[in-house]
Amino acid sequence: MSTALPSWQDSKLGTMKRTALWLVQVVGEGCIFTKSELREAFPDVAQIDRRMRDLRDFGWKIDTNREDIELGANEQRFVQSGVPVWEPGRGTRPRSTITVTQRRELLVKYNNKCSSCGATPGDKYADSEVTAQLDVARREVLMRDGTKALQYVIECNRCRVGGIGSTYDVPTLLSEAGALPALELDILRSWIKQDARTFSAVEELWAKYRALPAEAREAFRDNLN
């Protein structure tokens, strides 16, 4: 039996929790709302836009016209809910100790690139007009000795959201690497040494083929055969 959600109008809840509940109970996943509607719902909260953005740290996906070019400047889309922050113990973020200097040092360490996809600031994602922005992401890492550590990494706006709430398991990763055939393990070692993945000619052709529209793909297949 499902438990009823608390009301988004419950003043005993924090603003971020109420905002999450407002999205779920009033807006609905996949629907568009405006900044004006948000501010009208929370007229006494001066920084309601910031509280809304805080939800992204808990895996909530809320697009602006930077991520979705179909949205107007005053519009946002509630794409997907994340951690139910209104539940006890679920809406507390680890306190960040990153200073401006440390952030700058991390950007240098990662060559001003997203550690996951390699995007640099201003790069356009292949499937949209959205541009990459880099930020510091906190990641929980399980070490070989069984301890967990909170570590920091530079990621773009897309990769950062995808990794929220995940634990990065070093022992499991080592086990999976050890199970690779010798040739593939050598390839992995070369990628790690170069800090970049290299693609074979056939992989590059496959990627270009996948980017073709359906009719162009059919023409390519017919001529290839």
Protein backbone atom coordinates (compact mmCIF):
# COMPACT_ATOMS: atom_id res chain seq x y z
CA MET A 1 0.00 0.00 0.00
CA SER A 2 1.51 3.33 -1.05
CA THR A 3 1.95 6.13 1.47
CA ALA A 4 0.29 9.45 0.67
CA LEU A 5 2.69 12.28 -0.06
CA PRO A 6 2.77 15.28 2.26
CA SER A 7 1.23 18.44 0.86
CA TRP A 8 3.49 20.89 -0.94
CA GLN A 9 1.75 23.62 1.06
CA ASP A 10 2.88 22.17 4.41
CA SER A 11 4.82 25.06 5.98
CA LYS A 12 6.63 22.67 8.33
CA LEU A 13 8.66 21.35 5.39
CA GLY A 14 11.71 23.12 4.00
CA THR A 15 11.39 25.15 0.81
CA MET A 16 13.32 22.68 -1.36
CA LYS A 17 11.09 19.81 -0.19
CA ARG A 18 7.95 21.84 -0.82
CA THR A 19 9.24 22.76 -4.28
CA ALA A 20 9.79 19.08 -5.11
CA LEU A 21 6.27 18.24 -3.96
CA TRP A 22 4.84 21.16 -5.96
CA LEU A 23 6.48 19.77 -9.09
CA VAL A 24 5.02 16.33 -8.45
CA GLN A 25 1.56 17.37 -7.25
CA VAL A 26 0.88 20.47 -9.34
CA VAL A 27 3.09 20.44 -12.44
CA GLY A 28 3.58 16.73 -13.23
CA GLU A 29 6.45 15.00 -15.01
CA GLY A 30 6.92 16.05 -18.62
CA CYS A 31 4.94 19.27 -18.20
CA ILE A 32 6.01 22.87 -18.65
CA PHE A 33 5.74 25.57 -15.99
CA THR A 34 6.84 29.20 -15.95
CA LYS A 35 9.04 31.13 -13.55
CA SER A 36 6.02 33.29 -12.79
CA GLU A 37 3.95 30.26 -11.76
CA LEU A 38 6.76 29.08 -9.50
CA ARG A 39 7.05 32.46 -7.80
CA GLU A 40 3.28 32.76 -7.43
CA ALA A 41 3.23 29.37 -5.68
CA PHE A 42 5.94 30.55 -3.25
CA PRO A 43 5.38 34.31 -2.93
CA ASP A 44 7.24 34.63 0.38
CA VAL A 45 10.44 32.87 -0.75
CA ALA A 46 13.02 35.29 -2.13
CA GLN A 47 15.32 32.66 -3.70
CA ILE A 48 12.80 30.09 -4.90
CA ASP A 49 14.65 29.69 -8.24
CA ARG A 50 17.76 28.64 -6.33
CA ARG A 51 15.83 26.13 -4.22
CA MET A 52 14.49 24.66 -7.47
CA ARG A 53 18.03 24.33 -8.84
CA ASP A 54 19.13 22.59 -5.63
CA LEU A 55 16.93 19.63 -6.60
CA ARG A 56 19.30 18.82 -9.46
CA ASP A 57 21.84 17.70 -6.85
CA PHE A 58 19.35 14.95 -5.94
CA GLY A 59 18.83 13.67 -9.48
CA TRP A 60 15.83 15.83 -10.41
CA LYS A 61 15.83 16.78 -14.09
CA ILE A 62 14.41 20.22 -14.75
CA ASP A 63 15.19 21.67 -18.18
CA THR A 64 15.46 25.31 -19.18
CA ASN A 65 15.82 26.65 -22.72
CA ARG A 66 19.54 25.88 -22.44
CA GLU A 67 18.74 22.16 -22.40
CA ASP A 68 15.52 22.27 -24.46
CA ILE A 69 15.47 24.83 -27.27
CA GLU A 70 11.69 24.46 -27.60
CA LEU A 71 11.22 26.21 -24.23
CA GLY A 72 10.78 29.95 -23.93
CA ALA A 73 13.03 32.11 -21.76
CA ASN A 74 10.44 32.10 -18.96
CA GLU A 75 9.63 28.39 -19.23
CA GLN A 76 11.03 25.23 -17.65
CA ARG A 77 10.10 21.59 -18.08
CA PHE A 78 9.82 19.14 -15.17
CA VAL A 79 11.38 16.16 -16.95
CA GLN A 80 11.91 13.61 -14.20
CA SER A 81 11.77 13.36 -10.41
CA GLY A 82 14.77 12.18 -8.43
CA VAL A 83 15.39 11.39 -4.78
CA PRO A 84 12.18 11.91 -2.72
CA VAL A 85 13.74 14.68 -0.65
CA TRP A 86 10.67 15.05 1.57
CA GLU A 87 11.34 11.64 3.15
CA PRO A 88 13.31 11.66 6.44
CA GLY A 89 17.05 11.74 5.83
CA ARG A 90 16.74 11.96 2.03
CA GLY A 91 17.04 15.71 1.53
CA THR A 92 20.40 16.42 3.14
CA ARG A 93 23.38 17.14 0.94
CA PRO A 94 26.97 16.53 1.97
CA ARG A 95 28.52 19.84 2.90
CA SER A 96 30.87 21.02 0.17
CA THR A 97 34.33 22.12 1.24
CA ILE A 98 35.42 23.15 -2.24
CA THR A 99 36.94 26.62 -2.38
CA VAL A 100 37.38 28.78 -5.47
CA THR A 101 41.08 27.85 -5.52
CA GLN A 102 40.32 24.12 -5.23
CA ARG A 103 37.78 24.35 -8.04
CA ARG A 104 40.34 26.06 -10.25
CA GLU A 105 42.91 23.36 -9.40
CA LEU A 106 40.41 20.62 -10.28
CA LEU A 107 39.69 22.24 -13.64
CA VAL A 108 43.42 22.28 -14.37
CA LYS A 109 43.79 18.67 -13.22
CA TYR A 110 41.08 17.54 -15.64
CA ASN A 111 42.37 19.79 -18.47
CA ASN A 112 39.16 21.83 -18.38
CA LYS A 113 37.23 18.84 -19.74
CA CYS A 114 34.39 16.66 -18.46
CA SER A 115 36.04 13.57 -16.98
CA SER A 116 33.24 11.34 -18.31
CA CYS A 117 32.60 12.47 -21.89
CA GLY A 118 35.49 14.86 -22.58
CA ALA A 119 33.27 17.87 -23.32
CA THR A 120 34.76 21.33 -22.91
CA PRO A 121 32.81 24.48 -21.96
CA GLY A 122 30.64 25.63 -24.85
CA ASP A 123 30.74 22.32 -26.75
CA LYS A 124 27.36 21.44 -28.30
CA TYR A 125 25.95 18.01 -27.52
CA ALA A 126 25.50 15.94 -30.67
CA ASP A 127 21.71 15.57 -30.40
CA SER A 128 20.77 19.16 -29.53
CA GLU A 129 21.78 22.82 -29.46
CA VAL A 130 22.56 22.58 -25.74
CA THR A 131 26.11 23.56 -24.77
CA ALA A 132 28.24 21.90 -22.10
CA GLN A 133 29.01 23.61 -18.82
CA LEU A 134 31.56 22.25 -16.36
CA ASP A 135 31.21 22.03 -12.59
CA VAL A 136 32.54 20.11 -9.60
CA ALA A 137 30.64 16.90 -8.83
CA ARG A 138 30.84 14.95 -5.57
CA ARG A 139 31.20 11.21 -5.97
CA GLU A 140 31.15 8.44 -3.36
CA VAL A 141 33.89 5.92 -4.14
CA LEU A 142 34.27 2.42 -2.66
CA MET A 143 37.99 1.76 -2.25
CA ARG A 144 39.87 -1.57 -2.38
CA ASP A 145 40.10 -1.75 1.44
CA GLY A 146 36.30 -1.54 1.75
CA THR A 147 36.19 2.07 2.92
CA LYS A 148 34.14 4.76 1.21
CA ALA A 149 35.52 8.18 0.31
CA LEU A 150 33.86 11.34 -0.95
CA GLN A 151 35.93 12.53 -3.90
CA TYR A 152 35.56 15.33 -6.42
CA VAL A 153 35.55 15.30 -10.20
CA ILE A 154 34.89 17.75 -13.02
CA GLU A 155 31.83 16.85 -15.11
CA CYS A 156 29.53 18.56 -17.57
CA ASN A 157 25.89 19.37 -16.84
CA ARG A 158 24.64 16.11 -18.42
CA CYS A 159 27.14 13.68 -16.91
CA ARG A 160 26.92 15.32 -13.49
CA VAL A 161 23.19 14.67 -13.20
CA GLY A 162 23.56 11.07 -14.41
CA GLY A 163 26.00 10.18 -11.64
CA ILE A 164 24.09 11.63 -8.69
CA GLY A 165 23.42 9.06 -5.98
CA SER A 166 25.80 6.48 -7.45
CA THR A 167 28.65 4.75 -5.63
CA TYR A 168 31.73 4.17 -7.77
CA ASP A 169 33.07 0.71 -6.94
CA VAL A 170 36.84 0.40 -7.54
CA PRO A 171 37.12 -3.33 -6.53
CA THR A 172 34.31 -4.34 -8.89
CA LEU A 173 35.85 -2.30 -11.71
CA LEU A 174 39.21 -4.03 -11.15
CA SER A 175 37.50 -7.43 -11.16
CA GLU A 176 35.74 -6.67 -14.45
CA ALA A 177 38.99 -5.45 -15.98
CA GLY A 178 40.78 -8.62 -14.86
CA ALA A 179 38.16 -10.75 -16.63
CA LEU A 180 38.87 -9.14 -20.02
CA PRO A 181 40.75 -11.12 -22.68
CA ALA A 182 44.44 -10.17 -22.82
CA LEU A 183 44.05 -8.18 -26.07
CA GLU A 184 41.15 -6.09 -24.74
CA LEU A 185 42.98 -5.51 -21.45
CA ASP A 186 45.97 -4.18 -23.40
CA ILE A 187 43.65 -1.84 -25.31
CA LEU A 188 42.18 -0.60 -22.00
CA ARG A 189 45.68 0.01 -20.62
CA SER A 190 46.58 2.03 -23.73
CA TRP A 191 43.45 4.18 -23.36
CA ILE A 192 44.28 4.79 -19.69
CA LYS A 193 47.87 5.71 -20.55
CA GLN A 194 46.71 8.17 -23.23
CA ASP A 195 43.79 9.32 -21.06
CA ALA A 196 41.68 9.05 -24.20
CA ARG A 197 39.85 6.36 -26.13
CA THR A 198 41.01 5.78 -29.68
CA PHE A 199 38.57 4.52 -32.28
CA SER A 200 39.27 2.08 -35.08
CA ALA A 201 38.27 2.94 -38.66
CA VAL A 202 35.27 0.60 -38.52
CA GLU A 203 34.07 2.15 -35.22
CA GLU A 204 34.28 5.63 -36.72
CA LEU A 205 32.32 4.48 -39.80
CA TRP A 206 29.69 2.88 -37.56
CA ALA A 207 29.26 6.15 -35.64
CA LYS A 208 28.88 8.10 -38.90
CA TYR A 209 26.37 5.54 -40.21
CA ARG A 210 24.30 5.77 -37.02
CA ALA A 211 24.13 9.56 -37.47
CA LEU A 212 22.46 9.21 -40.90
CA PRO A 213 18.70 9.73 -41.29
CA ALA A 214 16.70 6.57 -42.07
CA GLU A 215 16.51 7.13 -45.83
CA ALA A 216 20.24 7.85 -46.07
CA ARG A 217 20.98 4.71 -44.05
CA GLU A 218 18.92 2.65 -46.48
CA ALA A 219 20.79 4.13 -49.46
CA PHE A 220 24.11 3.40 -47.77
CA ARG A 221 23.11 -0.21 -47.02
CA ASP A 222 21.90 -0.80 -50.59
CA ASN A 223 25.10 0.52 -52.14
CA LEU A 224 27.30 -1.28 -49.61
CA ASN A 225 25.66 -4.60 -50.48
